[in-house]
Amino acid sequence: MSSPLVGAWEAVSDTDQGISVFTETHFSMVVMPKNRQRSEGSEPTPEEAMAAYRGVRALAGTYTISGSRATFKRVANLKAT
């Protein structure tokens, strides 16, 4: 049976935005603040790049579905600070 989560999903809230990608057995998610500071020029300065990196949250791993419940097992987890 195919997982109902398979595909790419846009994550949007009042404060964050990101994307989640699901295969039949694995997932990957990346989320960042909506109000993050954009770089002033065409290329970010090292300080601007680090500020953008610090706001990123990412995780990936495997998942299973049983009935209406999804259980996630994280293999990689990043919250840059």
PDB file of N, CA and C in Angstrom:
ATOM      1  N   MET A   1       0.840  -1.184   0.000  1.00  0.00           N
ATOM      2  CA  MET A   1       0.000   0.000   0.000  1.00  0.00           C
ATOM      3  C   MET A   1       0.885   1.248   0.000  1.00  0.00           C
ATOM      4  N   SER A   2       0.569   2.187  -0.833  1.00  0.00           N
ATOM      5  CA  SER A   2       1.348   3.414  -0.957  1.00  0.00           C
ATOM      6  C   SER A   2       1.080   4.344   0.223  1.00  0.00           C
ATOM      7  N   SER A   3       2.134   4.987   0.696  1.00  0.00           N
ATOM      8  CA  SER A   3       2.003   5.945   1.785  1.00  0.00           C
ATOM      9  C   SER A   3       1.284   7.193   1.294  1.00  0.00           C
ATOM     10  N   PRO A   4       0.322   7.707   2.060  1.00  0.00           N
ATOM     11  CA  PRO A   4      -0.355   8.945   1.662  1.00  0.00           C
ATOM     12  C   PRO A   4       0.535  10.185   1.766  1.00  0.00           C
ATOM     13  N   LEU A   5       1.707  10.036   2.360  1.00  0.00           N
ATOM     14  CA  LEU A   5       2.611  11.175   2.523  1.00  0.00           C
ATOM     15  C   LEU A   5       3.590  11.335   1.369  1.00  0.00           C
ATOM     16  N   VAL A   6       3.709  10.352   0.488  1.00  0.00           N
ATOM     17  CA  VAL A   6       4.707  10.416  -0.582  1.00  0.00           C
ATOM     18  C   VAL A   6       4.519  11.676  -1.412  1.00  0.00           C
ATOM     19  N   GLY A   7       5.614  12.422  -1.584  1.00  0.00           N
ATOM     20  CA  GLY A   7       5.588  13.650  -2.360  1.00  0.00           C
ATOM     21  C   GLY A   7       6.323  14.756  -1.649  1.00  0.00           C
ATOM     22  N   ALA A   8       6.183  15.947  -2.161  1.00  0.00           N
ATOM     23  CA  ALA A   8       6.797  17.140  -1.569  1.00  0.00           C
ATOM     24  C   ALA A   8       5.690  18.026  -1.021  1.00  0.00           C
ATOM     25  N   TRP A   9       5.885  18.520   0.189  1.00  0.00           N
ATOM     26  CA  TRP A   9       4.876  19.316   0.883  1.00  0.00           C
ATOM     27  C   TRP A   9       5.487  20.633   1.325  1.00  0.00           C
ATOM     28  N   GLU A  10       4.798  21.722   1.062  1.00  0.00           N
ATOM     29  CA  GLU A  10       5.242  23.027   1.536  1.00  0.00           C
ATOM     30  C   GLU A  10       4.758  23.211   2.962  1.00  0.00           C
ATOM     31  N   ALA A  11       5.668  23.585   3.840  1.00  0.00           N
ATOM     32  CA  ALA A  11       5.336  23.845   5.242  1.00  0.00           C
ATOM     33  C   ALA A  11       5.233  25.347   5.449  1.00  0.00           C
ATOM     34  N   VAL A  12       4.079  25.810   5.912  1.00  0.00           N
ATOM     35  CA  VAL A  12       3.871  27.237   6.113  1.00  0.00           C
ATOM     36  C   VAL A  12       3.155  27.458   7.443  1.00  0.00           C
ATOM     37  N   SER A  13       3.682  28.372   8.236  1.00  0.00           N
ATOM     38  CA  SER A  13       3.003  28.803   9.459  1.00  0.00           C
ATOM     39  C   SER A  13       3.133  30.317   9.548  1.00  0.00           C
ATOM     40  N   ASP A  14       2.657  30.892  10.627  1.00  0.00           N
ATOM     41  CA  ASP A  14       2.773  32.338  10.798  1.00  0.00           C
ATOM     42  C   ASP A  14       4.229  32.781  10.905  1.00  0.00           C
ATOM     43  N   THR A  15       5.103  31.895  11.401  1.00  0.00           N
ATOM     44  CA  THR A  15       6.481  32.288  11.665  1.00  0.00           C
ATOM     45  C   THR A  15       7.523  31.558  10.816  1.00  0.00           C
ATOM     46  N   ASP A  16       7.184  30.400  10.228  1.00  0.00           N
ATOM     47  CA  ASP A  16       8.166  29.582   9.510  1.00  0.00           C
ATOM     48  C   ASP A  16       7.686  29.202   8.122  1.00  0.00           C
ATOM     49  N   GLN A  17       8.649  28.790   7.295  1.00  0.00           N
ATOM     50  CA  GLN A  17       8.342  28.214   5.991  1.00  0.00           C
ATOM     51  C   GLN A  17       9.386  27.151   5.694  1.00  0.00           C
ATOM     52  N   GLY A  18       9.026  26.190   4.849  1.00  0.00           N
ATOM     53  CA  GLY A  18       9.974  25.144   4.517  1.00  0.00           C
ATOM     54  C   GLY A  18       9.374  24.134   3.577  1.00  0.00           C
ATOM     55  N   ILE A  19      10.026  22.981   3.504  1.00  0.00           N
ATOM     56  CA  ILE A  19       9.559  21.917   2.628  1.00  0.00           C
ATOM     57  C   ILE A  19       9.832  20.568   3.290  1.00  0.00           C
ATOM     58  N   SER A  20       8.927  19.634   3.053  1.00  0.00           N
ATOM     59  CA  SER A  20       9.083  18.252   3.499  1.00  0.00           C
ATOM     60  C   SER A  20       8.981  17.364   2.271  1.00  0.00           C
ATOM     61  N   VAL A  21       9.873  16.377   2.184  1.00  0.00           N
ATOM     62  CA  VAL A  21       9.854  15.438   1.072  1.00  0.00           C
ATOM     63  C   VAL A  21       9.759  14.032   1.657  1.00  0.00           C
ATOM     64  N   PHE A  22       8.792  13.254   1.162  1.00  0.00           N
ATOM     65  CA  PHE A  22       8.566  11.896   1.635  1.00  0.00           C
ATOM     66  C   PHE A  22       8.661  10.896   0.492  1.00  0.00           C
ATOM     67  N   THR A  23       9.379   9.800   0.721  1.00  0.00           N
ATOM     68  CA  THR A  23       9.330   8.640  -0.161  1.00  0.00           C
ATOM     69  C   THR A  23       8.444   7.611   0.550  1.00  0.00           C
ATOM     70  N   GLU A  24       8.429   6.402   0.081  1.00  0.00           N
ATOM     71  CA  GLU A  24       7.640   5.352   0.750  1.00  0.00           C
ATOM     72  C   GLU A  24       8.118   5.078   2.170  1.00  0.00           C
ATOM     73  N   THR A  25       9.411   5.290   2.440  1.00  0.00           N
ATOM     74  CA  THR A  25       9.971   4.920   3.743  1.00  0.00           C
ATOM     75  C   THR A  25      10.791   6.003   4.434  1.00  0.00           C
ATOM     76  N   HIS A  26      11.188   7.048   3.701  1.00  0.00           N
ATOM     77  CA  HIS A  26      12.074   8.068   4.261  1.00  0.00           C
ATOM     78  C   HIS A  26      11.479   9.468   4.119  1.00  0.00           C
ATOM     79  N   PHE A  27      11.982  10.378   4.952  1.00  0.00           N
ATOM     80  CA  PHE A  27      11.534  11.770   4.894  1.00  0.00           C
ATOM     81  C   PHE A  27      12.714  12.702   5.100  1.00  0.00           C
ATOM     82  N   SER A  28      12.536  13.932   4.654  1.00  0.00           N
ATOM     83  CA  SER A  28      13.506  15.001   4.877  1.00  0.00           C
ATOM     84  C   SER A  28      12.722  16.301   5.015  1.00  0.00           C
ATOM     85  N   MET A  29      13.073  17.112   6.001  1.00  0.00           N
ATOM     86  CA  MET A  29      12.387  18.382   6.241  1.00  0.00           C
ATOM     87  C   MET A  29      13.404  19.490   6.468  1.00  0.00           C
ATOM     88  N   VAL A  30      13.143  20.661   5.899  1.00  0.00           N
ATOM     89  CA  VAL A  30      13.958  21.848   6.126  1.00  0.00           C
ATOM     90  C   VAL A  30      13.006  23.002   6.398  1.00  0.00           C
ATOM     91  N   VAL A  31      13.239  23.707   7.502  1.00  0.00           N
ATOM     92  CA  VAL A  31      12.371  24.819   7.916  1.00  0.00           C
ATOM     93  C   VAL A  31      13.245  26.002   8.297  1.00  0.00           C
ATOM     94  N   MET A  32      12.760  27.211   7.977  1.00  0.00           N
ATOM     95  CA  MET A  32      13.480  28.426   8.356  1.00  0.00           C
ATOM     96  C   MET A  32      12.476  29.531   8.680  1.00  0.00           C
ATOM     97  N   PRO A  33      12.882  30.536   9.430  1.00  0.00           N
ATOM     98  CA  PRO A  33      11.980  31.633   9.764  1.00  0.00           C
ATOM     99  C   PRO A  33      11.558  32.423   8.524  1.00  0.00           C
ATOM    100  N   LYS A  34      10.300  32.818   8.497  1.00  0.00           N
ATOM    101  CA  LYS A  34       9.814  33.651   7.387  1.00  0.00           C
ATOM    102  C   LYS A  34      10.467  35.024   7.379  1.00  0.00           C
ATOM    103  N   ASN A  35      10.700  35.561   8.539  1.00  0.00           N
ATOM    104  CA  ASN A  35      11.188  36.937   8.633  1.00  0.00           C
ATOM    105  C   ASN A  35      12.708  37.040   8.658  1.00  0.00           C
ATOM    106  N   ARG A  36      13.408  36.025   8.135  1.00  0.00           N
ATOM    107  CA  ARG A  36      14.872  36.058   8.160  1.00  0.00           C
ATOM    108  C   ARG A  36      15.397  37.221   7.315  1.00  0.00           C
ATOM    109  N   GLN A  37      16.515  37.736   7.696  1.00  0.00           N
ATOM    110  CA  GLN A  37      17.134  38.862   6.997  1.00  0.00           C
ATOM    111  C   GLN A  37      17.710  38.393   5.669  1.00  0.00           C
ATOM    112  N   ARG A  38      17.355  39.033   4.602  1.00  0.00           N
ATOM    113  CA  ARG A  38      17.900  38.733   3.277  1.00  0.00           C
ATOM    114  C   ARG A  38      19.197  39.519   3.074  1.00  0.00           C
ATOM    115  N   SER A  39      20.085  39.000   2.245  1.00  0.00           N
ATOM    116  CA  SER A  39      21.337  39.708   1.996  1.00  0.00           C
ATOM    117  C   SER A  39      21.072  40.964   1.180  1.00  0.00           C
ATOM    118  N   GLU A  40      21.901  41.949   1.389  1.00  0.00           N
ATOM    119  CA  GLU A  40      21.750  43.238   0.713  1.00  0.00           C
ATOM    120  C   GLU A  40      22.159  43.176  -0.757  1.00  0.00           C
ATOM    121  N   GLY A  41      23.222  42.439  -1.053  1.00  0.00           N
ATOM    122  CA  GLY A  41      23.727  42.365  -2.425  1.00  0.00           C
ATOM    123  C   GLY A  41      23.360  41.057  -3.095  1.00  0.00           C
ATOM    124  N   SER A  42      23.986  40.818  -4.238  1.00  0.00           N
ATOM    125  CA  SER A  42      23.705  39.583  -4.968  1.00  0.00           C
ATOM    126  C   SER A  42      24.370  38.374  -4.305  1.00  0.00           C
ATOM    127  N   GLU A  43      25.434  38.601  -3.565  1.00  0.00           N
ATOM    128  CA  GLU A  43      26.118  37.544  -2.814  1.00  0.00           C
ATOM    129  C   GLU A  43      26.115  37.923  -1.338  1.00  0.00           C
ATOM    130  N   PRO A  44      25.738  36.979  -0.458  1.00  0.00           N
ATOM    131  CA  PRO A  44      25.738  37.322   0.968  1.00  0.00           C
ATOM    132  C   PRO A  44      27.156  37.486   1.511  1.00  0.00           C
ATOM    133  N   THR A  45      27.294  38.377   2.471  1.00  0.00           N
ATOM    134  CA  THR A  45      28.561  38.503   3.191  1.00  0.00           C
ATOM    135  C   THR A  45      28.694  37.270   4.086  1.00  0.00           C
ATOM    136  N   PRO A  46      29.892  36.998   4.594  1.00  0.00           N
ATOM    137  CA  PRO A  46      30.025  35.872   5.526  1.00  0.00           C
ATOM    138  C   PRO A  46      29.091  35.997   6.738  1.00  0.00           C
ATOM    139  N   GLU A  47      28.903  37.208   7.235  1.00  0.00           N
ATOM    140  CA  GLU A  47      28.015  37.421   8.377  1.00  0.00           C
ATOM    141  C   GLU A  47      26.558  37.130   8.003  1.00  0.00           C
ATOM    142  N   GLU A  48      26.138  37.568   6.815  1.00  0.00           N
ATOM    143  CA  GLU A  48      24.773  37.308   6.354  1.00  0.00           C
ATOM    144  C   GLU A  48      24.547  35.817   6.131  1.00  0.00           C
ATOM    145  N   ALA A  49      25.541  35.139   5.589  1.00  0.00           N
ATOM    146  CA  ALA A  49      25.427  33.695   5.360  1.00  0.00           C
ATOM    147  C   ALA A  49      25.295  32.952   6.687  1.00  0.00           C
ATOM    148  N   MET A  50      26.080  33.319   7.685  1.00  0.00           N
ATOM    149  CA  MET A  50      25.990  32.666   8.995  1.00  0.00           C
ATOM    150  C   MET A  50      24.655  32.947   9.669  1.00  0.00           C
ATOM    151  N   ALA A  51      24.146  34.157   9.548  1.00  0.00           N
ATOM    152  CA  ALA A  51      22.838  34.491  10.133  1.00  0.00           C
ATOM    153  C   ALA A  51      21.745  33.642   9.492  1.00  0.00           C
ATOM    154  N   ALA A  52      21.800  33.449   8.181  1.00  0.00           N
ATOM    155  CA  ALA A  52      20.813  32.614   7.492  1.00  0.00           C
ATOM    156  C   ALA A  52      20.942  31.166   7.943  1.00  0.00           C
ATOM    157  N   TYR A  53      22.151  30.661   8.058  1.00  0.00           N
ATOM    158  CA  TYR A  53      22.410  29.286   8.487  1.00  0.00           C
ATOM    159  C   TYR A  53      21.888  29.029   9.892  1.00  0.00           C
ATOM    160  N   ARG A  54      22.068  29.996  10.782  1.00  0.00           N
ATOM    161  CA  ARG A  54      21.642  29.817  12.182  1.00  0.00           C
ATOM    162  C   ARG A  54      20.139  29.621  12.327  1.00  0.00           C
ATOM    163  N   GLY A  55      19.358  30.108  11.382  1.00  0.00           N
ATOM    164  CA  GLY A  55      17.913  29.967  11.485  1.00  0.00           C
ATOM    165  C   GLY A  55      17.345  28.680  10.910  1.00  0.00           C
ATOM    166  N   VAL A  56      18.191  27.859  10.302  1.00  0.00           N
ATOM    167  CA  VAL A  56      17.722  26.647   9.634  1.00  0.00           C
ATOM    168  C   VAL A  56      17.546  25.496  10.618  1.00  0.00           C
ATOM    169  N   ARG A  57      16.449  24.767  10.446  1.00  0.00           N
ATOM    170  CA  ARG A  57      16.230  23.516  11.168  1.00  0.00           C
ATOM    171  C   ARG A  57      15.981  22.440  10.108  1.00  0.00           C
ATOM    172  N   ALA A  58      16.672  21.329  10.227  1.00  0.00           N
ATOM    173  CA  ALA A  58      16.528  20.264   9.235  1.00  0.00           C
ATOM    174  C   ALA A  58      16.556  18.915   9.944  1.00  0.00           C
ATOM    175  N   LEU A  59      15.815  17.968   9.412  1.00  0.00           N
ATOM    176  CA  LEU A  59      15.861  16.615   9.922  1.00  0.00           C
ATOM    177  C   LEU A  59      15.513  15.644   8.813  1.00  0.00           C
ATOM    178  N   ALA A  60      15.946  14.417   8.997  1.00  0.00           N
ATOM    179  CA  ALA A  60      15.693  13.376   8.005  1.00  0.00           C
ATOM    180  C   ALA A  60      15.712  12.037   8.707  1.00  0.00           C
ATOM    181  N   GLY A  61      15.052  11.064   8.089  1.00  0.00           N
ATOM    182  CA  GLY A  61      15.045   9.736   8.674  1.00  0.00           C
ATOM    183  C   GLY A  61      14.040   8.833   7.994  1.00  0.00           C
ATOM    184  N   THR A  62      13.560   7.873   8.763  1.00  0.00           N
ATOM    185  CA  THR A  62      12.575   6.922   8.263  1.00  0.00           C
ATOM    186  C   THR A  62      11.258   7.140   8.992  1.00  0.00           C
ATOM    187  N   TYR A  63      10.193   6.583   8.433  1.00  0.00           N
ATOM    188  CA  TYR A  63       8.902   6.669   9.097  1.00  0.00           C
ATOM    189  C   TYR A  63       8.060   5.454   8.739  1.00  0.00           C
ATOM    190  N   THR A  64       7.096   5.181   9.597  1.00  0.00           N
ATOM    191  CA  THR A  64       6.108   4.143   9.338  1.00  0.00           C
ATOM    192  C   THR A  64       4.733   4.717   9.634  1.00  0.00           C
ATOM    193  N   ILE A  65       3.727   4.157   9.009  1.00  0.00           N
ATOM    194  CA  ILE A  65       2.347   4.563   9.259  1.00  0.00           C
ATOM    195  C   ILE A  65       1.562   3.345   9.710  1.00  0.00           C
ATOM    196  N   SER A  66       0.833   3.524  10.792  1.00  0.00           N
ATOM    197  CA  SER A  66      -0.049   2.481  11.308  1.00  0.00           C
ATOM    198  C   SER A  66      -1.399   3.127  11.579  1.00  0.00           C
ATOM    199  N   GLY A  67      -2.380   2.801  10.761  1.00  0.00           N
ATOM    200  CA  GLY A  67      -3.682   3.446  10.883  1.00  0.00           C
ATOM    201  C   GLY A  67      -3.549   4.918  10.555  1.00  0.00           C
ATOM    202  N   SER A  68      -3.921   5.774  11.500  1.00  0.00           N
ATOM    203  CA  SER A  68      -3.830   7.222  11.290  1.00  0.00           C
ATOM    204  C   SER A  68      -2.615   7.822  11.993  1.00  0.00           C
ATOM    205  N   ARG A  69      -1.689   6.978  12.456  1.00  0.00           N
ATOM    206  CA  ARG A  69      -0.525   7.456  13.198  1.00  0.00           C
ATOM    207  C   ARG A  69       0.760   7.262  12.390  1.00  0.00           C
ATOM    208  N   ALA A  70       1.552   8.330  12.297  1.00  0.00           N
ATOM    209  CA  ALA A  70       2.876   8.270  11.673  1.00  0.00           C
ATOM    210  C   ALA A  70       3.919   8.295  12.779  1.00  0.00           C
ATOM    211  N   THR A  71       4.880   7.392  12.701  1.00  0.00           N
ATOM    212  CA  THR A  71       5.977   7.336  13.663  1.00  0.00           C
ATOM    213  C   THR A  71       7.270   7.636  12.923  1.00  0.00           C
ATOM    214  N   PHE A  72       8.002   8.634  13.403  1.00  0.00           N
ATOM    215  CA  PHE A  72       9.221   9.090  12.753  1.00  0.00           C
ATOM    216  C   PHE A  72      10.444   8.656  13.548  1.00  0.00           C
ATOM    217  N   LYS A  73      11.478   8.176  12.844  1.00  0.00           N
ATOM    218  CA  LYS A  73      12.765   7.865  13.463  1.00  0.00           C
ATOM    219  C   LYS A  73      13.800   8.786  12.815  1.00  0.00           C
ATOM    220  N   ARG A  74      14.310   9.721  13.589  1.00  0.00           N
ATOM    221  CA  ARG A  74      15.283  10.671  13.064  1.00  0.00           C
ATOM    222  C   ARG A  74      16.648  10.010  12.904  1.00  0.00           C
ATOM    223  N   VAL A  75      17.249  10.201  11.746  1.00  0.00           N
ATOM    224  CA  VAL A  75      18.599   9.721  11.482  1.00  0.00           C
ATOM    225  C   VAL A  75      19.562  10.905  11.496  1.00  0.00           C
ATOM    226  N   ALA A  76      19.093  12.044  11.009  1.00  0.00           N
ATOM    227  CA  ALA A  76      19.884  13.273  11.008  1.00  0.00           C
ATOM    228  C   ALA A  76      19.010  14.392  11.551  1.00  0.00           C
ATOM    229  N   ASN A  77      19.608  15.263  12.350  1.00  0.00           N
ATOM    230  CA  ASN A  77      18.854  16.339  12.971  1.00  0.00           C
ATOM    231  C   ASN A  77      19.784  17.545  13.114  1.00  0.00           C
ATOM    232  N   LEU A  78      19.370  18.700  12.609  1.00  0.00           N
ATOM    233  CA  LEU A  78      20.184  19.909  12.689  1.00  0.00           C
ATOM    234  C   LEU A  78      19.325  21.075  13.147  1.00  0.00           C
ATOM    235  N   LYS A  79      19.769  21.735  14.182  1.00  0.00           N
ATOM    236  CA  LYS A  79      19.209  23.029  14.557  1.00  0.00           C
ATOM    237  C   LYS A  79      20.415  23.928  14.748  1.00  0.00           C
ATOM    238  N   ALA A  80      20.706  24.693  13.724  1.00  0.00           N
ATOM    239  CA  ALA A  80      21.885  25.563  13.758  1.00  0.00           C
ATOM    240  C   ALA A  80      21.676  26.704  14.726  1.00  0.00           C
ATOM    241  N   THR A  81      22.673  26.967  15.538  1.00  0.00           N
ATOM    242  CA  THR A  81      22.583  28.078  16.495  1.00  0.00           C
ATOM    243  C   THR A  81      23.832  28.926  16.445  1.00  0.00           C
TER     244      THR A  81
END
